[in-house]
């Protein structure tokens, strides 16, 4: 069973359904907690090598993103493949994975 299916089943089993807008807000909130860990562990960027993000914080963010994908009927694996293909194309075209914006 893949991670997205596990999250969807957990949500269903525990009656944790929520609209996509709430799922997005939860994802942003969880990423904010990851950002806070990066800021504090690096002393707000003064020691970028000291990044320390607890696994559970990344897990919370991943759970929230997978729940959002499920709510939007987006297959997370397919979305990842699409993104990787996009980045590959950019690298082939310009030598850089960034969008140039």
PDB file of N, CA and C in Angstrom:
ATOM      1  N   UNK A   1       0.852  -1.180   0.000  1.00  0.00           N
ATOM      2  CA  UNK A   1       0.000   0.000   0.000  1.00  0.00           C
ATOM      3  C   UNK A   1       0.900   1.246   0.000  1.00  0.00           C
ATOM      4  N   UNK A   2       0.591   2.198  -0.879  1.00  0.00           N
ATOM      5  CA  UNK A   2       1.417   3.400  -0.955  1.00  0.00           C
ATOM      6  C   UNK A   2       1.039   4.390   0.149  1.00  0.00           C
ATOM      7  N   UNK A   3       1.874   5.394   0.318  1.00  0.00           N
ATOM      8  CA  UNK A   3       1.698   6.355   1.405  1.00  0.00           C
ATOM      9  C   UNK A   3       0.393   7.138   1.277  1.00  0.00           C
ATOM     10  N   UNK A   4       0.033   7.535   0.065  1.00  0.00           N
ATOM     11  CA  UNK A   4      -1.197   8.308  -0.111  1.00  0.00           C
ATOM     12  C   UNK A   4      -2.420   7.485   0.276  1.00  0.00           C
ATOM     13  N   UNK A   5      -2.425   6.226  -0.087  1.00  0.00           N
ATOM     14  CA  UNK A   5      -3.540   5.346   0.284  1.00  0.00           C
ATOM     15  C   UNK A   5      -3.599   5.169   1.789  1.00  0.00           C
ATOM     16  N   UNK A   6      -2.454   5.003   2.420  1.00  0.00           N
ATOM     17  CA  UNK A   6      -2.426   4.857   3.885  1.00  0.00           C
ATOM     18  C   UNK A   6      -2.999   6.091   4.564  1.00  0.00           C
ATOM     19  N   UNK A   7      -2.614   7.283   4.086  1.00  0.00           N
ATOM     20  CA  UNK A   7      -3.131   8.525   4.668  1.00  0.00           C
ATOM     21  C   UNK A   7      -4.637   8.619   4.448  1.00  0.00           C
ATOM     22  N   UNK A   8      -5.094   8.317   3.240  1.00  0.00           N
ATOM     23  CA  UNK A   8      -6.537   8.383   2.943  1.00  0.00           C
ATOM     24  C   UNK A   8      -7.321   7.431   3.827  1.00  0.00           C
ATOM     25  N   UNK A   9      -6.804   6.234   4.017  1.00  0.00           N
ATOM     26  CA  UNK A   9      -7.490   5.267   4.880  1.00  0.00           C
ATOM     27  C   UNK A   9      -7.496   5.725   6.333  1.00  0.00           C
ATOM     28  N   UNK A  10      -6.394   6.317   6.788  1.00  0.00           N
ATOM     29  CA  UNK A  10      -6.324   6.836   8.156  1.00  0.00           C
ATOM     30  C   UNK A  10      -7.377   7.930   8.353  1.00  0.00           C
ATOM     31  N   UNK A  11      -7.477   8.821   7.379  1.00  0.00           N
ATOM     32  CA  UNK A  11      -8.453   9.909   7.455  1.00  0.00           C
ATOM     33  C   UNK A  11      -9.876   9.347   7.502  1.00  0.00           C
ATOM     34  N   UNK A  12     -10.153   8.388   6.654  1.00  0.00           N
ATOM     35  CA  UNK A  12     -11.487   7.772   6.611  1.00  0.00           C
ATOM     36  C   UNK A  12     -11.804   7.045   7.914  1.00  0.00           C
ATOM     37  N   UNK A  13     -10.877   6.248   8.382  1.00  0.00           N
ATOM     38  CA  UNK A  13     -11.077   5.458   9.597  1.00  0.00           C
ATOM     39  C   UNK A  13     -11.314   6.341  10.817  1.00  0.00           C
ATOM     40  N   UNK A  14     -10.634   7.485  10.859  1.00  0.00           N
ATOM     41  CA  UNK A  14     -10.710   8.355  12.031  1.00  0.00           C
ATOM     42  C   UNK A  14     -11.624   9.558  11.832  1.00  0.00           C
ATOM     43  N   UNK A  15     -12.426   9.527  10.768  1.00  0.00           N
ATOM     44  CA  UNK A  15     -13.395  10.576  10.480  1.00  0.00           C
ATOM     45  C   UNK A  15     -12.742  11.965  10.516  1.00  0.00           C
ATOM     46  N   UNK A  16     -11.656  12.111   9.752  1.00  0.00           N
ATOM     47  CA  UNK A  16     -10.896  13.360   9.725  1.00  0.00           C
ATOM     48  C   UNK A  16     -11.019  14.084   8.384  1.00  0.00           C
ATOM     49  N   UNK A  17     -12.109  13.850   7.660  1.00  0.00           N
ATOM     50  CA  UNK A  17     -12.291  14.486   6.377  1.00  0.00           C
ATOM     51  C   UNK A  17     -12.328  16.005   6.548  1.00  0.00           C
ATOM     52  N   UNK A  18     -11.804  16.697   5.519  1.00  0.00           N
ATOM     53  CA  UNK A  18     -11.816  18.160   5.523  1.00  0.00           C
ATOM     54  C   UNK A  18     -11.790  18.645   4.080  1.00  0.00           C
ATOM     55  N   UNK A  19     -12.365  19.823   3.833  1.00  0.00           N
ATOM     56  CA  UNK A  19     -12.331  20.378   2.488  1.00  0.00           C
ATOM     57  C   UNK A  19     -10.892  20.695   2.048  1.00  0.00           C
ATOM     58  N   UNK A  20     -10.703  20.780   0.746  1.00  0.00           N
ATOM     59  CA  UNK A  20      -9.371  21.035   0.192  1.00  0.00           C
ATOM     60  C   UNK A  20      -8.760  22.323   0.739  1.00  0.00           C
ATOM     61  N   UNK A  21      -9.565  23.354   0.916  1.00  0.00           N
ATOM     62  CA  UNK A  21      -9.029  24.625   1.430  1.00  0.00           C
ATOM     63  C   UNK A  21      -8.406  24.435   2.809  1.00  0.00           C
ATOM     64  N   UNK A  22      -9.054  23.649   3.658  1.00  0.00           N
ATOM     65  CA  UNK A  22      -8.508  23.372   4.988  1.00  0.00           C
ATOM     66  C   UNK A  22      -7.257  22.506   4.892  1.00  0.00           C
ATOM     67  N   UNK A  23      -7.266  21.571   3.965  1.00  0.00           N
ATOM     68  CA  UNK A  23      -6.083  20.726   3.762  1.00  0.00           C
ATOM     69  C   UNK A  23      -4.892  21.576   3.323  1.00  0.00           C
ATOM     70  N   UNK A  24      -5.138  22.555   2.450  1.00  0.00           N
ATOM     71  CA  UNK A  24      -4.065  23.447   2.022  1.00  0.00           C
ATOM     72  C   UNK A  24      -3.544  24.265   3.192  1.00  0.00           C
ATOM     73  N   UNK A  25      -4.449  24.812   3.984  1.00  0.00           N
ATOM     74  CA  UNK A  25      -4.024  25.597   5.152  1.00  0.00           C
ATOM     75  C   UNK A  25      -3.222  24.743   6.131  1.00  0.00           C
ATOM     76  N   UNK A  26      -3.631  23.501   6.316  1.00  0.00           N
ATOM     77  CA  UNK A  26      -2.901  22.592   7.198  1.00  0.00           C
ATOM     78  C   UNK A  26      -1.509  22.319   6.643  1.00  0.00           C
ATOM     79  N   UNK A  27      -1.405  22.124   5.327  1.00  0.00           N
ATOM     80  CA  UNK A  27      -0.104  21.876   4.700  1.00  0.00           C
ATOM     81  C   UNK A  27       0.826  23.068   4.907  1.00  0.00           C
ATOM     82  N   UNK A  28       0.303  24.264   4.677  1.00  0.00           N
ATOM     83  CA  UNK A  28       1.107  25.470   4.861  1.00  0.00           C
ATOM     84  C   UNK A  28       1.535  25.614   6.318  1.00  0.00           C
ATOM     85  N   UNK A  29       0.634  25.329   7.234  1.00  0.00           N
ATOM     86  CA  UNK A  29       0.955  25.401   8.658  1.00  0.00           C
ATOM     87  C   UNK A  29       2.074  24.430   9.018  1.00  0.00           C
ATOM     88  N   UNK A  30       1.966  23.204   8.517  1.00  0.00           N
ATOM     89  CA  UNK A  30       2.996  22.199   8.818  1.00  0.00           C
ATOM     90  C   UNK A  30       4.340  22.593   8.208  1.00  0.00           C
ATOM     91  N   UNK A  31       4.322  23.150   6.993  1.00  0.00           N
ATOM     92  CA  UNK A  31       5.572  23.617   6.388  1.00  0.00           C
ATOM     93  C   UNK A  31       6.145  24.793   7.175  1.00  0.00           C
ATOM     94  N   UNK A  32       5.271  25.597   7.756  1.00  0.00           N
ATOM     95  CA  UNK A  32       5.733  26.682   8.625  1.00  0.00           C
ATOM     96  C   UNK A  32       6.473  26.142   9.841  1.00  0.00           C
ATOM     97  N   UNK A  33       6.000  25.024  10.373  1.00  0.00           N
ATOM     98  CA  UNK A  33       6.689  24.411  11.511  1.00  0.00           C
ATOM     99  C   UNK A  33       8.059  23.881  11.091  1.00  0.00           C
ATOM    100  N   UNK A  34       8.148  23.323   9.873  1.00  0.00           N
ATOM    101  CA  UNK A  34       9.445  22.878   9.354  1.00  0.00           C
ATOM    102  C   UNK A  34      10.369  24.083   9.196  1.00  0.00           C
ATOM    103  N   UNK A  35       9.834  25.161   8.647  1.00  0.00           N
ATOM    104  CA  UNK A  35      10.613  26.382   8.475  1.00  0.00           C
ATOM    105  C   UNK A  35      11.125  26.920   9.806  1.00  0.00           C
ATOM    106  N   UNK A  36      10.278  26.883  10.817  1.00  0.00           N
ATOM    107  CA  UNK A  36      10.692  27.342  12.151  1.00  0.00           C
ATOM    108  C   UNK A  36      11.858  26.507  12.666  1.00  0.00           C
ATOM    109  N   UNK A  37      11.805  25.188  12.456  1.00  0.00           N
ATOM    110  CA  UNK A  37      12.902  24.316  12.889  1.00  0.00           C
ATOM    111  C   UNK A  37      14.201  24.669  12.161  1.00  0.00           C
ATOM    112  N   UNK A  38      14.098  24.963  10.871  1.00  0.00           N
ATOM    113  CA  UNK A  38      15.285  25.351  10.104  1.00  0.00           C
ATOM    114  C   UNK A  38      15.832  26.672  10.633  1.00  0.00           C
ATOM    115  N   UNK A  39      14.955  27.629  10.852  1.00  0.00           N
ATOM    116  CA  UNK A  39      15.392  28.939  11.347  1.00  0.00           C
ATOM    117  C   UNK A  39      16.084  28.828  12.700  1.00  0.00           C
ATOM    118  N   UNK A  40      15.475  28.107  13.619  1.00  0.00           N
ATOM    119  CA  UNK A  40      16.063  28.033  14.952  1.00  0.00           C
ATOM    120  C   UNK A  40      17.320  27.171  14.986  1.00  0.00           C
ATOM    121  N   UNK A  41      17.336  26.077  14.223  1.00  0.00           N
ATOM    122  CA  UNK A  41      18.522  25.206  14.262  1.00  0.00           C
ATOM    123  C   UNK A  41      19.725  25.845  13.580  1.00  0.00           C
ATOM    124  N   UNK A  42      19.491  26.765  12.659  1.00  0.00           N
ATOM    125  CA  UNK A  42      20.609  27.435  11.963  1.00  0.00           C
ATOM    126  C   UNK A  42      20.878  28.817  12.536  1.00  0.00           C
ATOM    127  N   UNK A  43      20.259  29.116  13.663  1.00  0.00           N
ATOM    128  CA  UNK A  43      20.351  30.449  14.251  1.00  0.00           C
ATOM    129  C   UNK A  43      20.003  31.498  13.203  1.00  0.00           C
ATOM    130  N   UNK A  44      18.850  31.295  12.589  1.00  0.00           N
ATOM    131  CA  UNK A  44      18.288  32.177  11.571  1.00  0.00           C
ATOM    132  C   UNK A  44      19.256  32.421  10.417  1.00  0.00           C
ATOM    133  N   UNK A  45      19.877  31.330   9.972  1.00  0.00           N
ATOM    134  CA  UNK A  45      20.707  31.353   8.785  1.00  0.00           C
ATOM    135  C   UNK A  45      22.172  31.602   9.014  1.00  0.00           C
ATOM    136  N   UNK A  46      22.568  31.879  10.244  1.00  0.00           N
ATOM    137  CA  UNK A  46      23.982  32.173  10.482  1.00  0.00           C
ATOM    138  C   UNK A  46      24.856  30.925  10.403  1.00  0.00           C
ATOM    139  N   UNK A  47      24.247  29.748  10.545  1.00  0.00           N
ATOM    140  CA  UNK A  47      24.987  28.490  10.425  1.00  0.00           C
ATOM    141  C   UNK A  47      24.159  27.507   9.594  1.00  0.00           C
ATOM    142  N   UNK A  48      24.117  27.700   8.254  1.00  0.00           N
ATOM    143  CA  UNK A  48      23.248  26.878   7.416  1.00  0.00           C
ATOM    144  C   UNK A  48      23.562  25.392   7.455  1.00  0.00           C
ATOM    145  N   UNK A  49      24.755  25.023   7.840  1.00  0.00           N
ATOM    146  CA  UNK A  49      25.120  23.607   7.919  1.00  0.00           C
ATOM    147  C   UNK A  49      24.478  22.909   9.118  1.00  0.00           C
ATOM    148  N   UNK A  50      23.928  23.685  10.048  1.00  0.00           N
ATOM    149  CA  UNK A  50      23.379  23.122  11.280  1.00  0.00           C
ATOM    150  C   UNK A  50      21.899  22.764  11.170  1.00  0.00           C
ATOM    151  N   UNK A  51      21.370  22.713   9.965  1.00  0.00           N
ATOM    152  CA  UNK A  51      19.942  22.410   9.796  1.00  0.00           C
ATOM    153  C   UNK A  51      19.597  21.120  10.525  1.00  0.00           C
ATOM    154  N   UNK A  52      18.560  21.204  11.343  1.00  0.00           N
ATOM    155  CA  UNK A  52      18.071  20.033  12.072  1.00  0.00           C
ATOM    156  C   UNK A  52      16.550  20.113  12.127  1.00  0.00           C
ATOM    157  N   UNK A  53      15.907  19.240  11.369  1.00  0.00           N
ATOM    158  CA  UNK A  53      14.448  19.183  11.354  1.00  0.00           C
ATOM    159  C   UNK A  53      14.045  17.798  11.841  1.00  0.00           C
ATOM    160  N   UNK A  54      13.313  17.736  12.939  1.00  0.00           N
ATOM    161  CA  UNK A  54      12.874  16.431  13.440  1.00  0.00           C
ATOM    162  C   UNK A  54      12.030  15.687  12.404  1.00  0.00           C
ATOM    163  N   UNK A  55      12.225  14.397  12.349  1.00  0.00           N
ATOM    164  CA  UNK A  55      11.509  13.552  11.398  1.00  0.00           C
ATOM    165  C   UNK A  55      10.003  13.710  11.509  1.00  0.00           C
ATOM    166  N   UNK A  56       9.502  13.850  12.737  1.00  0.00           N
ATOM    167  CA  UNK A  56       8.047  13.947  12.896  1.00  0.00           C
ATOM    168  C   UNK A  56       7.490  15.220  12.277  1.00  0.00           C
ATOM    169  N   UNK A  57       8.277  16.290  12.256  1.00  0.00           N
ATOM    170  CA  UNK A  57       7.806  17.529  11.622  1.00  0.00           C
ATOM    171  C   UNK A  57       7.700  17.349  10.115  1.00  0.00           C
ATOM    172  N   UNK A  58       8.686  16.685   9.516  1.00  0.00           N
ATOM    173  CA  UNK A  58       8.604  16.390   8.083  1.00  0.00           C
ATOM    174  C   UNK A  58       7.465  15.428   7.805  1.00  0.00           C
ATOM    175  N   UNK A  59       7.256  14.483   8.701  1.00  0.00           N
ATOM    176  CA  UNK A  59       6.148  13.545   8.555  1.00  0.00           C
ATOM    177  C   UNK A  59       4.806  14.244   8.600  1.00  0.00           C
ATOM    178  N   UNK A  60       4.664  15.222   9.494  1.00  0.00           N
ATOM    179  CA  UNK A  60       3.415  15.988   9.574  1.00  0.00           C
ATOM    180  C   UNK A  60       3.155  16.727   8.260  1.00  0.00           C
ATOM    181  N   UNK A  61       4.206  17.326   7.703  1.00  0.00           N
ATOM    182  CA  UNK A  61       4.065  18.057   6.443  1.00  0.00           C
ATOM    183  C   UNK A  61       3.716  17.111   5.299  1.00  0.00           C
ATOM    184  N   UNK A  62       4.347  15.951   5.279  1.00  0.00           N
ATOM    185  CA  UNK A  62       4.061  14.968   4.239  1.00  0.00           C
ATOM    186  C   UNK A  62       2.634  14.448   4.355  1.00  0.00           C
ATOM    187  N   UNK A  63       2.200  14.154   5.572  1.00  0.00           N
ATOM    188  CA  UNK A  63       0.819  13.716   5.802  1.00  0.00           C
ATOM    189  C   UNK A  63      -0.158  14.759   5.261  1.00  0.00           C
ATOM    190  N   UNK A  64       0.079  16.018   5.601  1.00  0.00           N
ATOM    191  CA  UNK A  64      -0.828  17.088   5.181  1.00  0.00           C
ATOM    192  C   UNK A  64      -0.857  17.201   3.655  1.00  0.00           C
ATOM    193  N   UNK A  65       0.298  17.101   3.005  1.00  0.00           N
ATOM    194  CA  UNK A  65       0.343  17.201   1.549  1.00  0.00           C
ATOM    195  C   UNK A  65      -0.346  16.012   0.886  1.00  0.00           C
ATOM    196  N   UNK A  66      -0.119  14.820   1.404  1.00  0.00           N
ATOM    197  CA  UNK A  66      -0.785  13.638   0.844  1.00  0.00           C
ATOM    198  C   UNK A  66      -2.297  13.700   1.068  1.00  0.00           C
ATOM    199  N   UNK A  67      -2.723  14.238   2.206  1.00  0.00           N
ATOM    200  CA  UNK A  67      -4.158  14.405   2.453  1.00  0.00           C
ATOM    201  C   UNK A  67      -4.746  15.411   1.466  1.00  0.00           C
ATOM    202  N   UNK A  68      -4.008  16.465   1.163  1.00  0.00           N
ATOM    203  CA  UNK A  68      -4.455  17.443   0.174  1.00  0.00           C
ATOM    204  C   UNK A  68      -4.572  16.802  -1.206  1.00  0.00           C
ATOM    205  N   UNK A  69      -3.566  16.027  -1.589  1.00  0.00           N
ATOM    206  CA  UNK A  69      -3.625  15.323  -2.875  1.00  0.00           C
ATOM    207  C   UNK A  69      -4.864  14.445  -2.951  1.00  0.00           C
ATOM    208  N   UNK A  70      -5.128  13.704  -1.902  1.00  0.00           N
ATOM    209  CA  UNK A  70      -6.297  12.828  -1.895  1.00  0.00           C
ATOM    210  C   UNK A  70      -7.586  13.618  -2.009  1.00  0.00           C
ATOM    211  N   UNK A  71      -7.677  14.705  -1.279  1.00  0.00           N
ATOM    212  CA  UNK A  71      -8.895  15.525  -1.312  1.00  0.00           C
ATOM    213  C   UNK A  71      -9.132  16.105  -2.699  1.00  0.00           C
ATOM    214  N   UNK A  72      -8.048  16.388  -3.428  1.00  0.00           N
ATOM    215  CA  UNK A  72      -8.162  16.960  -4.775  1.00  0.00           C
ATOM    216  C   UNK A  72      -8.197  15.889  -5.864  1.00  0.00           C
ATOM    217  N   UNK A  73      -8.203  14.620  -5.451  1.00  0.00           N
ATOM    218  CA  UNK A  73      -8.174  13.499  -6.404  1.00  0.00           C
ATOM    219  C   UNK A  73      -6.961  13.561  -7.322  1.00  0.00           C
ATOM    220  N   UNK A  74      -5.827  13.923  -6.735  1.00  0.00           N
ATOM    221  CA  UNK A  74      -4.548  13.956  -7.456  1.00  0.00           C
ATOM    222  C   UNK A  74      -3.710  12.805  -6.948  1.00  0.00           C
ATOM    223  N   UNK A  75      -3.210  11.983  -7.867  1.00  0.00           N
ATOM    224  CA  UNK A  75      -2.314  10.909  -7.477  1.00  0.00           C
ATOM    225  C   UNK A  75      -0.933  11.519  -7.220  1.00  0.00           C
ATOM    226  N   UNK A  76      -0.450  11.419  -5.985  1.00  0.00           N
ATOM    227  CA  UNK A  76       0.820  12.041  -5.602  1.00  0.00           C
ATOM    228  C   UNK A  76       1.982  11.499  -6.427  1.00  0.00           C
ATOM    229  N   UNK A  77       1.992  10.204  -6.698  1.00  0.00           N
ATOM    230  CA  UNK A  77       3.071   9.619  -7.509  1.00  0.00           C
ATOM    231  C   UNK A  77       3.053  10.190  -8.927  1.00  0.00           C
ATOM    232  N   UNK A  78       1.883  10.313  -9.521  1.00  0.00           N
ATOM    233  CA  UNK A  78       1.775  10.887 -10.857  1.00  0.00           C
ATOM    234  C   UNK A  78       2.219  12.351 -10.853  1.00  0.00           C
ATOM    235  N   UNK A  79       1.825  13.089  -9.831  1.00  0.00           N
ATOM    236  CA  UNK A  79       2.224  14.489  -9.726  1.00  0.00           C
ATOM    237  C   UNK A  79       3.742  14.609  -9.614  1.00  0.00           C
ATOM    238  N   UNK A  80       4.351  13.720  -8.840  1.00  0.00           N
ATOM    239  CA  UNK A  80       5.804  13.722  -8.708  1.00  0.00           C
ATOM    240  C   UNK A  80       6.473  13.415 -10.040  1.00  0.00           C
ATOM    241  N   UNK A  81       5.968  12.420 -10.752  1.00  0.00           N
ATOM    242  CA  UNK A  81       6.531  12.077 -12.065  1.00  0.00           C
ATOM    243  C   UNK A  81       6.432  13.251 -13.031  1.00  0.00           C
ATOM    244  N   UNK A  82       5.305  13.948 -12.999  1.00  0.00           N
ATOM    245  CA  UNK A  82       5.125  15.119 -13.855  1.00  0.00           C
ATOM    246  C   UNK A  82       6.146  16.202 -13.508  1.00  0.00           C
ATOM    247  N   UNK A  83       6.346  16.435 -12.222  1.00  0.00           N
ATOM    248  CA  UNK A  83       7.312  17.442 -11.787  1.00  0.00           C
ATOM    249  C   UNK A  83       8.734  17.057 -12.196  1.00  0.00           C
ATOM    250  N   UNK A  84       9.097  15.787 -12.006  1.00  0.00           N
ATOM    251  CA  UNK A  84      10.441  15.345 -12.381  1.00  0.00           C
ATOM    252  C   UNK A  84      10.671  15.491 -13.881  1.00  0.00           C
ATOM    253  N   UNK A  85       9.661  15.172 -14.681  1.00  0.00           N
ATOM    254  CA  UNK A  85       9.784  15.335 -16.128  1.00  0.00           C
ATOM    255  C   UNK A  85       9.957  16.811 -16.494  1.00  0.00           C
ATOM    256  N   UNK A  86       9.229  17.674 -15.799  1.00  0.00           N
ATOM    257  CA  UNK A  86       9.345  19.115 -16.040  1.00  0.00           C
ATOM    258  C   UNK A  86      10.763  19.586 -15.727  1.00  0.00           C
ATOM    259  N   UNK A  87      11.309  19.147 -14.585  1.00  0.00           N
ATOM    260  CA  UNK A  87      12.664  19.551 -14.203  1.00  0.00           C
ATOM    261  C   UNK A  87      13.701  18.985 -15.162  1.00  0.00           C
ATOM    262  N   UNK A  88      13.513  17.754 -15.590  1.00  0.00           N
ATOM    263  CA  UNK A  88      14.414  17.166 -16.586  1.00  0.00           C
ATOM    264  C   UNK A  88      14.422  18.004 -17.860  1.00  0.00           C
ATOM    265  N   UNK A  89      13.236  18.397 -18.306  1.00  0.00           N
ATOM    266  CA  UNK A  89      13.134  19.217 -19.502  1.00  0.00           C
ATOM    267  C   UNK A  89      13.844  20.545 -19.349  1.00  0.00           C
ATOM    268  N   UNK A  90      13.697  21.175 -18.210  1.00  0.00           N
ATOM    269  CA  UNK A  90      14.381  22.444 -17.961  1.00  0.00           C
ATOM    270  C   UNK A  90      15.895  22.266 -17.984  1.00  0.00           C
ATOM    271  N   UNK A  91      16.370  21.196 -17.364  1.00  0.00           N
ATOM    272  CA  UNK A  91      17.812  20.941 -17.343  1.00  0.00           C
ATOM    273  C   UNK A  91      18.321  20.721 -18.762  1.00  0.00           C
ATOM    274  N   UNK A  92      17.584  19.957 -19.547  1.00  0.00           N
ATOM    275  CA  UNK A  92      17.976  19.731 -20.935  1.00  0.00           C
ATOM    276  C   UNK A  92      17.988  21.026 -21.731  1.00  0.00           C
ATOM    277  N   UNK A  93      16.988  21.887 -21.500  1.00  0.00           N
ATOM    278  CA  UNK A  93      16.874  23.125 -22.263  1.00  0.00           C
ATOM    279  C   UNK A  93      17.862  24.211 -21.839  1.00  0.00           C
ATOM    280  N   UNK A  94      18.046  24.350 -20.517  1.00  0.00           N
ATOM    281  CA  UNK A  94      18.837  25.481 -20.026  1.00  0.00           C
ATOM    282  C   UNK A  94      20.002  25.100 -19.127  1.00  0.00           C
ATOM    283  N   UNK A  95      20.088  23.827 -18.759  1.00  0.00           N
ATOM    284  CA  UNK A  95      21.137  23.414 -17.841  1.00  0.00           C
ATOM    285  C   UNK A  95      20.811  23.689 -16.386  1.00  0.00           C
ATOM    286  N   UNK A  96      19.591  24.136 -16.109  1.00  0.00           N
ATOM    287  CA  UNK A  96      19.174  24.498 -14.756  1.00  0.00           C
ATOM    288  C   UNK A  96      17.757  23.998 -14.518  1.00  0.00           C
ATOM    289  N   UNK A  97      17.493  23.451 -13.339  1.00  0.00           N
ATOM    290  CA  UNK A  97      16.158  22.942 -13.014  1.00  0.00           C
ATOM    291  C   UNK A  97      15.187  24.047 -12.628  1.00  0.00           C
ATOM    292  N   UNK A  98      15.696  25.227 -12.326  1.00  0.00           N
ATOM    293  CA  UNK A  98      14.833  26.341 -11.910  1.00  0.00           C
ATOM    294  C   UNK A  98      13.979  26.850 -13.045  1.00  0.00           C
ATOM    295  N   UNK A  99      12.916  27.557 -12.688  1.00  0.00           N
ATOM    296  CA  UNK A  99      11.981  28.071 -13.691  1.00  0.00           C
ATOM    297  C   UNK A  99      12.473  29.358 -14.341  1.00  0.00           C
ATOM    298  N   UNK A 100      13.509  29.966 -13.759  1.00  0.00           N
ATOM    299  CA  UNK A 100      14.031  31.215 -14.328  1.00  0.00           C
ATOM    300  C   UNK A 100      13.264  32.446 -13.912  1.00  0.00           C
ATOM    301  N   UNK A 101      12.324  32.275 -12.998  1.00  0.00           N
ATOM    302  CA  UNK A 101      11.532  33.435 -12.531  1.00  0.00           C
ATOM    303  C   UNK A 101      12.103  33.997 -11.273  1.00  0.00           C
TER     304      UNK A 101
END
